[in-house]
Amino acid sequence: MDTRRGNYDSGEDFVLEYGELRFTFNERDFRERCEQAALKLGFVHGRLDDGELEDLVNLAVNGEIQDPASALGEHVNDCWPELVGPSDRSLVHWLRRLVFRSAWLDQRVKEGELEVRFHPEDGFTYVQPERGGEPVELAPEPSWGRVAYRPRWAA
C-alpha cells in the first residue's frame, strides 16, 4: 500500500523543508526541539534560559549568530571554527537534522506507522508495529562535547 505521509504541523512560526516534506512549527515547539537537539549533541548540558534559547534558535534558523543575546551566543562565535565545517559535520546541520528527525518521528507516531516504547535500560525507543515491534535504527549523531557551552554560573 502506497500512502502519502503527512507533514508535521504545530504552527507557522518556523518552517523546515526536505524534499517533498514541509514541517511547520510554533515558536515553543521549535525552541524545545532545538534545545533537545543541542542536549543530544552534547553541546549544552542543561536547560537554557530565554536569551540562550534565542541564540540557539537563531543559530539553527540563520546558520549564525550575528548579535548574541547571551553567553551561549558569544561562545558559539568564539568557537565558530570548531563548530563549522563540511555540512555533514557542522553543528548547524546537526541541530536542523535532529529537529527535523524528531518531528518526522512524531508525525510517524501520529499516523500509526511507529509506536513509542519505554525500556528501563534503553529509555524511550521508536518501534515498528507492522514489523513485530522492531526498533527503529537511527543514525548516530556526533558529539560536540569538546566545545560544549557551559554557563558561567556552572563553571
Protein backbone atom coordinates (compact mmCIF):
# COMPACT_ATOMS: atom_id res chain seq x y z
CA MET A 1 0.00 0.00 0.00
CA ASP A 2 1.42 3.37 -1.02
CA THR A 3 0.33 6.10 1.38
CA ARG A 4 1.29 9.73 1.22
CA ARG A 5 2.79 10.79 4.50
CA GLY A 6 1.53 13.92 6.14
CA ASN A 7 3.62 16.90 7.06
CA TYR A 8 4.28 17.79 10.66
CA ASP A 9 2.47 20.96 11.74
CA SER A 10 2.39 22.68 15.13
CA GLY A 11 2.19 26.28 13.88
CA GLU A 12 3.51 28.69 11.29
CA ASP A 13 6.44 30.39 13.07
CA PHE A 14 9.23 28.21 11.62
CA VAL A 15 9.45 26.00 8.52
CA LEU A 16 11.83 23.15 7.66
CA GLU A 17 11.65 21.52 4.25
CA TYR A 18 13.30 18.41 2.93
CA GLY A 19 12.30 17.02 -0.44
CA GLU A 20 8.52 16.92 -0.55
CA LEU A 21 8.20 17.21 3.23
CA ARG A 22 7.34 20.57 4.78
CA PHE A 23 7.30 20.75 8.55
CA THR A 24 5.94 23.84 10.29
CA PHE A 25 6.46 24.65 13.95
CA ASN A 26 5.11 27.08 16.50
CA GLU A 27 7.74 29.02 18.41
CA ARG A 28 7.58 26.97 21.62
CA ASP A 29 7.76 23.63 19.81
CA PHE A 30 10.73 24.75 17.70
CA ARG A 31 12.60 26.18 20.70
CA GLU A 32 12.08 22.96 22.68
CA ARG A 33 13.23 20.81 19.75
CA CYS A 34 16.36 22.98 19.28
CA GLU A 35 17.18 22.65 22.98
CA GLN A 36 16.68 18.87 22.89
CA ALA A 37 18.89 18.62 19.78
CA ALA A 38 21.65 20.63 21.47
CA LEU A 39 21.40 18.37 24.55
CA LYS A 40 21.55 15.22 22.40
CA LEU A 41 24.62 16.55 20.60
CA GLY A 42 26.36 17.27 23.91
CA PHE A 43 26.63 20.96 23.06
CA VAL A 44 24.67 22.01 26.16
CA HIS A 45 24.25 20.17 29.46
CA GLY A 46 21.05 21.51 30.93
CA ARG A 47 18.05 23.73 30.44
CA LEU A 48 18.70 27.05 28.73
CA ASP A 49 17.37 30.46 29.73
CA ASP A 50 15.42 32.67 27.29
CA GLY A 51 18.48 34.51 25.93
CA GLU A 52 20.38 31.28 25.40
CA LEU A 53 17.38 29.73 23.65
CA GLU A 54 17.05 32.81 21.46
CA ASP A 55 20.67 32.43 20.36
CA LEU A 56 20.30 28.69 19.77
CA VAL A 57 17.19 29.21 17.62
CA ASN A 58 18.97 31.96 15.66
CA LEU A 59 21.84 29.56 15.05
CA ALA A 60 19.52 26.82 13.82
CA VAL A 61 17.46 29.17 11.63
CA ASN A 62 20.10 31.56 10.28
CA GLY A 63 23.22 29.40 10.46
CA GLU A 64 24.99 32.02 12.58
CA ILE A 65 24.52 34.40 15.50
CA GLN A 66 25.20 37.98 14.48
CA ASP A 67 24.13 39.77 17.66
CA PRO A 68 24.43 37.40 20.64
CA ALA A 69 21.73 37.76 23.27
CA SER A 70 23.59 35.57 25.77
CA ALA A 71 26.86 33.96 26.75
CA LEU A 72 25.83 30.97 24.61
CA GLY A 73 25.82 33.17 21.51
CA GLU A 74 29.22 34.58 22.45
CA HIS A 75 30.52 31.04 23.00
CA VAL A 76 29.28 29.97 19.55
CA ASN A 77 31.05 32.91 17.94
CA ASP A 78 34.25 32.30 19.94
CA CYS A 79 34.29 28.60 18.94
CA TRP A 80 32.99 29.09 15.40
CA PRO A 81 35.94 27.43 13.58
CA GLU A 82 35.33 24.25 15.61
CA LEU A 83 31.55 24.30 15.04
CA VAL A 84 31.51 24.90 11.32
CA GLY A 85 32.84 22.52 8.71
CA PRO A 86 31.62 20.35 5.89
CA SER A 87 27.82 20.39 6.01
CA ASP A 88 27.53 16.89 7.42
CA ARG A 89 29.87 17.82 10.26
CA SER A 90 28.65 21.28 11.24
CA LEU A 91 26.72 21.97 14.42
CA VAL A 92 24.07 23.89 12.44
CA HIS A 93 23.50 20.91 10.13
CA TRP A 94 23.04 18.55 13.06
CA LEU A 95 20.76 20.89 15.00
CA ARG A 96 18.49 21.17 11.96
CA ARG A 97 18.72 17.45 11.27
CA LEU A 98 17.71 16.46 14.79
CA VAL A 99 14.86 18.99 14.92
CA PHE A 100 13.58 17.61 11.62
CA ARG A 101 14.11 13.98 12.68
CA SER A 102 12.21 14.45 15.94
CA ALA A 103 9.24 15.98 14.13
CA TRP A 104 9.37 13.26 11.44
CA LEU A 105 9.28 10.56 14.12
CA ASP A 106 6.43 12.28 15.96
CA GLN A 107 4.45 12.52 12.73
CA ARG A 108 5.01 8.79 12.05
CA VAL A 109 3.67 8.03 15.56
CA LYS A 110 0.64 10.25 14.94
CA GLU A 111 -0.07 8.38 11.70
CA GLY A 112 0.24 4.97 13.41
CA GLU A 113 3.35 3.93 11.50
CA LEU A 114 5.51 3.92 14.64
CA GLU A 115 4.93 3.46 18.35
CA VAL A 116 6.92 4.69 21.33
CA ARG A 117 8.01 2.14 23.92
CA PHE A 118 9.92 2.53 27.17
CA HIS A 119 12.61 0.10 28.33
CA PRO A 120 14.29 0.70 31.69
CA GLU A 121 17.77 0.09 30.23
CA ASP A 122 17.34 1.90 26.91
CA GLY A 123 14.81 4.63 27.70
CA PHE A 124 12.30 5.57 25.04
CA THR A 125 12.55 3.93 21.63
CA TYR A 126 10.52 4.03 18.44
CA VAL A 127 9.28 0.67 17.17
CA GLN A 128 7.55 -0.51 14.01
CA PRO A 129 4.33 -2.32 14.98
CA GLU A 130 3.92 -3.82 11.49
CA ARG A 131 7.32 -5.49 11.90
CA GLY A 132 6.65 -7.13 15.25
CA GLY A 133 7.84 -4.17 17.31
CA GLU A 134 11.24 -3.97 15.61
CA PRO A 135 13.12 -0.89 16.90
CA VAL A 136 13.82 1.96 14.51
CA GLU A 137 17.56 2.31 13.95
CA LEU A 138 18.54 5.98 13.98
CA ALA A 139 21.83 7.19 12.55
CA PRO A 140 24.20 8.09 15.37
CA GLU A 141 24.90 11.76 15.84
CA PRO A 142 28.32 13.25 16.52
CA SER A 143 29.20 14.87 19.82
CA TRP A 144 30.14 18.48 20.35
CA GLY A 145 31.13 17.82 23.96
CA ARG A 146 34.68 19.06 23.35
CA VAL A 147 33.34 22.57 22.64
CA ALA A 148 30.22 22.39 24.78
CA TYR A 149 28.68 25.54 26.20
CA ARG A 150 28.83 25.74 29.96
CA PRO A 151 27.14 28.71 31.59
CA ARG A 152 29.45 30.84 33.73
CA TRP A 153 27.40 30.04 36.83
CA ALA A 154 28.02 26.31 36.23
CA ALA A 155 31.78 26.67 35.80
